[in-house]
């Protein structure tokens, strides 16, 4: 039974999610047209700040 269990520590969930986010963002940015980038850049800027969380929810809802 011990042979079936991994002896390694599981990967950090935050790092796994961060790699997934980076992969998705890279794919999106490399294939995005002008309109998509015009929406994406302000959204990313807002995600990077805590100044207007309610405003961000409105943008995400649109």
PDB file of N, CA and C in Angstrom:
ATOM      1  N   UNK A   1       0.821  -1.198   0.000  1.00  0.00           N
ATOM      2  CA  UNK A   1       0.000   0.000   0.000  1.00  0.00           C
ATOM      3  C   UNK A   1       0.863   1.260   0.000  1.00  0.00           C
ATOM      4  N   UNK A   2       1.946   1.252   0.749  1.00  0.00           N
ATOM      5  CA  UNK A   2       2.820   2.424   0.813  1.00  0.00           C
ATOM      6  C   UNK A   2       3.422   2.740  -0.548  1.00  0.00           C
ATOM      7  N   UNK A   3       3.578   1.724  -1.411  1.00  0.00           N
ATOM      8  CA  UNK A   3       4.117   1.959  -2.745  1.00  0.00           C
ATOM      9  C   UNK A   3       3.174   2.799  -3.607  1.00  0.00           C
ATOM     10  N   UNK A   4       1.886   2.762  -3.301  1.00  0.00           N
ATOM     11  CA  UNK A   4       0.900   3.503  -4.079  1.00  0.00           C
ATOM     12  C   UNK A   4       0.841   4.974  -3.686  1.00  0.00           C
ATOM     13  N   UNK A   5       1.278   5.277  -2.494  1.00  0.00           N
ATOM     14  CA  UNK A   5       1.239   6.647  -2.017  1.00  0.00           C
ATOM     15  C   UNK A   5       2.523   7.367  -2.382  1.00  0.00           C
ATOM     16  N   UNK A   6       2.385   8.559  -2.870  1.00  0.00           N
ATOM     17  CA  UNK A   6       3.539   9.362  -3.255  1.00  0.00           C
ATOM     18  C   UNK A   6       4.314   9.798  -2.019  1.00  0.00           C
ATOM     19  N   UNK A   7       5.604   9.732  -2.106  1.00  0.00           N
ATOM     20  CA  UNK A   7       6.468  10.181  -1.015  1.00  0.00           C
ATOM     21  C   UNK A   7       6.764  11.671  -1.128  1.00  0.00           C
ATOM     22  N   UNK A   8       6.439  12.254  -2.267  1.00  0.00           N
ATOM     23  CA  UNK A   8       6.700  13.670  -2.482  1.00  0.00           C
ATOM     24  C   UNK A   8       5.560  14.505  -1.915  1.00  0.00           C
ATOM     25  N   UNK A   9       5.899  15.726  -1.526  1.00  0.00           N
ATOM     26  CA  UNK A   9       4.864  16.650  -1.085  1.00  0.00           C
ATOM     27  C   UNK A   9       4.023  17.046  -2.294  1.00  0.00           C
ATOM     28  N   UNK A  10       2.720  17.215  -2.106  1.00  0.00           N
ATOM     29  CA  UNK A  10       1.892  17.659  -3.229  1.00  0.00           C
ATOM     30  C   UNK A  10       2.276  19.082  -3.622  1.00  0.00           C
ATOM     31  N   UNK A  11       2.064  19.465  -4.879  1.00  0.00           N
ATOM     32  CA  UNK A  11       2.417  20.825  -5.292  1.00  0.00           C
ATOM     33  C   UNK A  11       1.562  21.848  -4.539  1.00  0.00           C
ATOM     34  N   UNK A  12       2.122  23.004  -4.334  1.00  0.00           N
ATOM     35  CA  UNK A  12       1.409  24.096  -3.672  1.00  0.00           C
ATOM     36  C   UNK A  12       0.242  24.514  -4.561  1.00  0.00           C
ATOM     37  N   UNK A  13      -0.995  24.474  -4.058  1.00  0.00           N
ATOM     38  CA  UNK A  13      -2.152  24.826  -4.885  1.00  0.00           C
ATOM     39  C   UNK A  13      -2.057  26.233  -5.484  1.00  0.00           C
ATOM     40  N   UNK A  14      -1.476  27.161  -4.742  1.00  0.00           N
ATOM     41  CA  UNK A  14      -1.346  28.522  -5.263  1.00  0.00           C
ATOM     42  C   UNK A  14      -0.418  28.531  -6.479  1.00  0.00           C
ATOM     43  N   UNK A  15       0.657  27.798  -6.413  1.00  0.00           N
ATOM     44  CA  UNK A  15       1.583  27.747  -7.548  1.00  0.00           C
ATOM     45  C   UNK A  15       0.944  27.064  -8.756  1.00  0.00           C
ATOM     46  N   UNK A  16       0.158  26.035  -8.520  1.00  0.00           N
ATOM     47  CA  UNK A  16      -0.533  25.356  -9.619  1.00  0.00           C
ATOM     48  C   UNK A  16      -1.498  26.317 -10.290  1.00  0.00           C
ATOM     49  N   UNK A  17      -2.276  27.026  -9.502  1.00  0.00           N
ATOM     50  CA  UNK A  17      -3.240  27.990 -10.046  1.00  0.00           C
ATOM     51  C   UNK A  17      -2.510  29.129 -10.752  1.00  0.00           C
ATOM     52  N   UNK A  18      -1.395  29.579 -10.174  1.00  0.00           N
ATOM     53  CA  UNK A  18      -0.624  30.665 -10.794  1.00  0.00           C
ATOM     54  C   UNK A  18      -0.105  30.250 -12.172  1.00  0.00           C
ATOM     55  N   UNK A  19       0.377  29.010 -12.283  1.00  0.00           N
ATOM     56  CA  UNK A  19       0.856  28.524 -13.591  1.00  0.00           C
ATOM     57  C   UNK A  19      -0.294  28.430 -14.583  1.00  0.00           C
ATOM     58  N   UNK A  20      -1.457  27.976 -14.120  1.00  0.00           N
ATOM     59  CA  UNK A  20      -2.622  27.901 -15.006  1.00  0.00           C
ATOM     60  C   UNK A  20      -3.020  29.293 -15.480  1.00  0.00           C
ATOM     61  N   UNK A  21      -3.040  30.250 -14.567  1.00  0.00           N
ATOM     62  CA  UNK A  21      -3.395  31.627 -14.930  1.00  0.00           C
ATOM     63  C   UNK A  21      -2.400  32.198 -15.930  1.00  0.00           C
ATOM     64  N   UNK A  22      -1.132  31.950 -15.709  1.00  0.00           N
ATOM     65  CA  UNK A  22      -0.106  32.453 -16.619  1.00  0.00           C
ATOM     66  C   UNK A  22      -0.252  31.841 -18.008  1.00  0.00           C
ATOM     67  N   UNK A  23      -0.516  30.552 -18.068  1.00  0.00           N
ATOM     68  CA  UNK A  23      -0.707  29.880 -19.360  1.00  0.00           C
ATOM     69  C   UNK A  23      -1.909  30.452 -20.094  1.00  0.00           C
ATOM     70  N   UNK A  24      -3.027  30.582 -19.389  1.00  0.00           N
ATOM     71  CA  UNK A  24      -4.238  31.120 -20.014  1.00  0.00           C
ATOM     72  C   UNK A  24      -4.043  32.567 -20.460  1.00  0.00           C
ATOM     73  N   UNK A  25      -3.399  33.375 -19.620  1.00  0.00           N
ATOM     74  CA  UNK A  25      -3.171  34.778 -19.979  1.00  0.00           C
ATOM     75  C   UNK A  25      -2.261  34.890 -21.193  1.00  0.00           C
ATOM     76  N   UNK A  26      -1.228  34.082 -21.235  1.00  0.00           N
ATOM     77  CA  UNK A  26      -0.307  34.109 -22.373  1.00  0.00           C
ATOM     78  C   UNK A  26      -1.021  33.736 -23.661  1.00  0.00           C
ATOM     79  N   UNK A  27      -1.840  32.689 -23.602  1.00  0.00           N
ATOM     80  CA  UNK A  27      -2.598  32.278 -24.785  1.00  0.00           C
ATOM     81  C   UNK A  27      -3.567  33.370 -25.223  1.00  0.00           C
ATOM     82  N   UNK A  28      -4.273  33.953 -24.271  1.00  0.00           N
ATOM     83  CA  UNK A  28      -5.242  34.998 -24.592  1.00  0.00           C
ATOM     84  C   UNK A  28      -4.562  36.215 -25.206  1.00  0.00           C
ATOM     85  N   UNK A  29      -3.500  36.673 -24.584  1.00  0.00           N
ATOM     86  CA  UNK A  29      -2.810  37.867 -25.062  1.00  0.00           C
ATOM     87  C   UNK A  29      -2.190  37.641 -26.437  1.00  0.00           C
ATOM     88  N   UNK A  30      -1.667  36.458 -26.669  1.00  0.00           N
ATOM     89  CA  UNK A  30      -1.005  36.204 -27.952  1.00  0.00           C
ATOM     90  C   UNK A  30      -1.993  36.077 -29.107  1.00  0.00           C
ATOM     91  N   UNK A  31      -3.257  35.788 -28.807  1.00  0.00           N
ATOM     92  CA  UNK A  31      -4.240  35.615 -29.881  1.00  0.00           C
ATOM     93  C   UNK A  31      -5.314  36.698 -29.896  1.00  0.00           C
ATOM     94  N   UNK A  32      -5.287  37.609 -28.926  1.00  0.00           N
ATOM     95  CA  UNK A  32      -6.351  38.605 -28.789  1.00  0.00           C
ATOM     96  C   UNK A  32      -6.305  39.639 -29.908  1.00  0.00           C
ATOM     97  N   UNK A  33      -7.502  40.042 -30.320  1.00  0.00           N
ATOM     98  CA  UNK A  33      -7.599  41.142 -31.272  1.00  0.00           C
ATOM     99  C   UNK A  33      -7.622  42.468 -30.495  1.00  0.00           C
ATOM    100  N   UNK A  34      -7.684  43.546 -31.220  1.00  0.00           N
ATOM    101  CA  UNK A  34      -7.622  44.872 -30.616  1.00  0.00           C
ATOM    102  C   UNK A  34      -8.735  45.090 -29.588  1.00  0.00           C
ATOM    103  N   UNK A  35      -9.953  44.709 -29.933  1.00  0.00           N
ATOM    104  CA  UNK A  35     -11.084  44.917 -29.035  1.00  0.00           C
ATOM    105  C   UNK A  35     -10.925  44.137 -27.731  1.00  0.00           C
ATOM    106  N   UNK A  36     -10.462  42.909 -27.830  1.00  0.00           N
ATOM    107  CA  UNK A  36     -10.253  42.089 -26.637  1.00  0.00           C
ATOM    108  C   UNK A  36      -9.186  42.716 -25.751  1.00  0.00           C
ATOM    109  N   UNK A  37      -8.104  43.167 -26.348  1.00  0.00           N
ATOM    110  CA  UNK A  37      -7.042  43.806 -25.566  1.00  0.00           C
ATOM    111  C   UNK A  37      -7.521  45.095 -24.912  1.00  0.00           C
ATOM    112  N   UNK A  38      -8.399  45.827 -25.598  1.00  0.00           N
ATOM    113  CA  UNK A  38      -8.911  47.072 -25.025  1.00  0.00           C
ATOM    114  C   UNK A  38      -9.792  46.805 -23.807  1.00  0.00           C
ATOM    115  N   UNK A  39     -10.406  45.654 -23.733  1.00  0.00           N
ATOM    116  CA  UNK A  39     -11.180  45.274 -22.552  1.00  0.00           C
ATOM    117  C   UNK A  39     -10.260  44.664 -21.498  1.00  0.00           C
ATOM    118  N   UNK A  40      -9.317  43.859 -21.930  1.00  0.00           N
ATOM    119  CA  UNK A  40      -8.454  43.111 -21.025  1.00  0.00           C
ATOM    120  C   UNK A  40      -7.515  44.000 -20.214  1.00  0.00           C
ATOM    121  N   UNK A  41      -6.907  44.966 -20.853  1.00  0.00           N
ATOM    122  CA  UNK A  41      -5.904  45.790 -20.165  1.00  0.00           C
ATOM    123  C   UNK A  41      -6.503  46.554 -18.981  1.00  0.00           C
ATOM    124  N   UNK A  42      -7.618  47.267 -19.145  1.00  0.00           N
ATOM    125  CA  UNK A  42      -8.190  47.930 -17.963  1.00  0.00           C
ATOM    126  C   UNK A  42      -8.658  46.946 -16.885  1.00  0.00           C
ATOM    127  N   UNK A  43      -9.164  45.804 -17.310  1.00  0.00           N
ATOM    128  CA  UNK A  43      -9.595  44.795 -16.353  1.00  0.00           C
ATOM    129  C   UNK A  43      -8.412  44.302 -15.525  1.00  0.00           C
ATOM    130  N   UNK A  44      -7.313  43.999 -16.178  1.00  0.00           N
ATOM    131  CA  UNK A  44      -6.118  43.561 -15.455  1.00  0.00           C
ATOM    132  C   UNK A  44      -5.598  44.654 -14.532  1.00  0.00           C
ATOM    133  N   UNK A  45      -5.676  45.892 -14.986  1.00  0.00           N
ATOM    134  CA  UNK A  45      -5.237  47.009 -14.144  1.00  0.00           C
ATOM    135  C   UNK A  45      -6.091  47.099 -12.886  1.00  0.00           C
ATOM    136  N   UNK A  46      -7.395  46.893 -13.033  1.00  0.00           N
ATOM    137  CA  UNK A  46      -8.285  46.954 -11.875  1.00  0.00           C
ATOM    138  C   UNK A  46      -8.066  45.768 -10.951  1.00  0.00           C
ATOM    139  N   UNK A  47      -7.790  44.618 -11.503  1.00  0.00           N
ATOM    140  CA  UNK A  47      -7.522  43.444 -10.676  1.00  0.00           C
ATOM    141  C   UNK A  47      -6.268  43.637  -9.843  1.00  0.00           C
ATOM    142  N   UNK A  48      -5.363  44.458 -10.328  1.00  0.00           N
ATOM    143  CA  UNK A  48      -4.113  44.702  -9.630  1.00  0.00           C
ATOM    144  C   UNK A  48      -4.216  45.701  -8.502  1.00  0.00           C
ATOM    145  N   UNK A  49      -5.400  46.285  -8.305  1.00  0.00           N
ATOM    146  CA  UNK A  49      -5.578  47.257  -7.223  1.00  0.00           C
ATOM    147  C   UNK A  49      -6.784  46.878  -6.383  1.00  0.00           C
ATOM    148  N   UNK A  50      -6.815  47.397  -5.172  1.00  0.00           N
ATOM    149  CA  UNK A  50      -7.956  47.183  -4.281  1.00  0.00           C
ATOM    150  C   UNK A  50      -8.838  48.419  -4.206  1.00  0.00           C
ATOM    151  N   UNK A  51      -8.575  49.390  -5.064  1.00  0.00           N
ATOM    152  CA  UNK A  51      -9.258  50.680  -4.952  1.00  0.00           C
ATOM    153  C   UNK A  51     -10.752  50.620  -5.226  1.00  0.00           C
ATOM    154  N   UNK A  52     -11.167  49.813  -6.217  1.00  0.00           N
ATOM    155  CA  UNK A  52     -12.558  49.839  -6.647  1.00  0.00           C
ATOM    156  C   UNK A  52     -13.124  48.439  -6.840  1.00  0.00           C
ATOM    157  N   UNK A  53     -13.213  47.628  -5.772  1.00  0.00           N
ATOM    158  CA  UNK A  53     -13.704  46.256  -5.947  1.00  0.00           C
ATOM    159  C   UNK A  53     -15.138  46.196  -6.452  1.00  0.00           C
ATOM    160  N   UNK A  54     -16.025  47.094  -6.025  1.00  0.00           N
ATOM    161  CA  UNK A  54     -17.415  47.076  -6.486  1.00  0.00           C
ATOM    162  C   UNK A  54     -17.476  47.413  -7.968  1.00  0.00           C
ATOM    163  N   UNK A  55     -16.663  48.337  -8.401  1.00  0.00           N
ATOM    164  CA  UNK A  55     -16.608  48.720  -9.810  1.00  0.00           C
ATOM    165  C   UNK A  55     -16.112  47.553 -10.654  1.00  0.00           C
ATOM    166  N   UNK A  56     -15.172  46.796 -10.149  1.00  0.00           N
ATOM    167  CA  UNK A  56     -14.657  45.626 -10.858  1.00  0.00           C
ATOM    168  C   UNK A  56     -15.759  44.594 -11.046  1.00  0.00           C
ATOM    169  N   UNK A  57     -16.578  44.382 -10.035  1.00  0.00           N
ATOM    170  CA  UNK A  57     -17.688  43.439 -10.165  1.00  0.00           C
ATOM    171  C   UNK A  57     -18.644  43.861 -11.255  1.00  0.00           C
ATOM    172  N   UNK A  58     -18.872  45.145 -11.397  1.00  0.00           N
ATOM    173  CA  UNK A  58     -19.750  45.632 -12.466  1.00  0.00           C
ATOM    174  C   UNK A  58     -19.137  45.359 -13.836  1.00  0.00           C
ATOM    175  N   UNK A  59     -17.854  45.553 -13.963  1.00  0.00           N
ATOM    176  CA  UNK A  59     -17.170  45.288 -15.237  1.00  0.00           C
ATOM    177  C   UNK A  59     -17.245  43.815 -15.557  1.00  0.00           C
ATOM    178  N   UNK A  60     -17.021  42.958 -14.585  1.00  0.00           N
ATOM    179  CA  UNK A  60     -17.066  41.514 -14.820  1.00  0.00           C
ATOM    180  C   UNK A  60     -18.471  41.049 -15.185  1.00  0.00           C
ATOM    181  N   UNK A  61     -19.478  41.738 -14.677  1.00  0.00           N
ATOM    182  CA  UNK A  61     -20.862  41.343 -14.934  1.00  0.00           C
ATOM    183  C   UNK A  61     -21.304  41.701 -16.354  1.00  0.00           C
ATOM    184  N   UNK A  62     -20.698  42.714 -16.954  1.00  0.00           N
ATOM    185  CA  UNK A  62     -21.114  43.185 -18.288  1.00  0.00           C
ATOM    186  C   UNK A  62     -20.896  42.169 -19.328  1.00  0.00           C
TER     187      UNK A  62
END
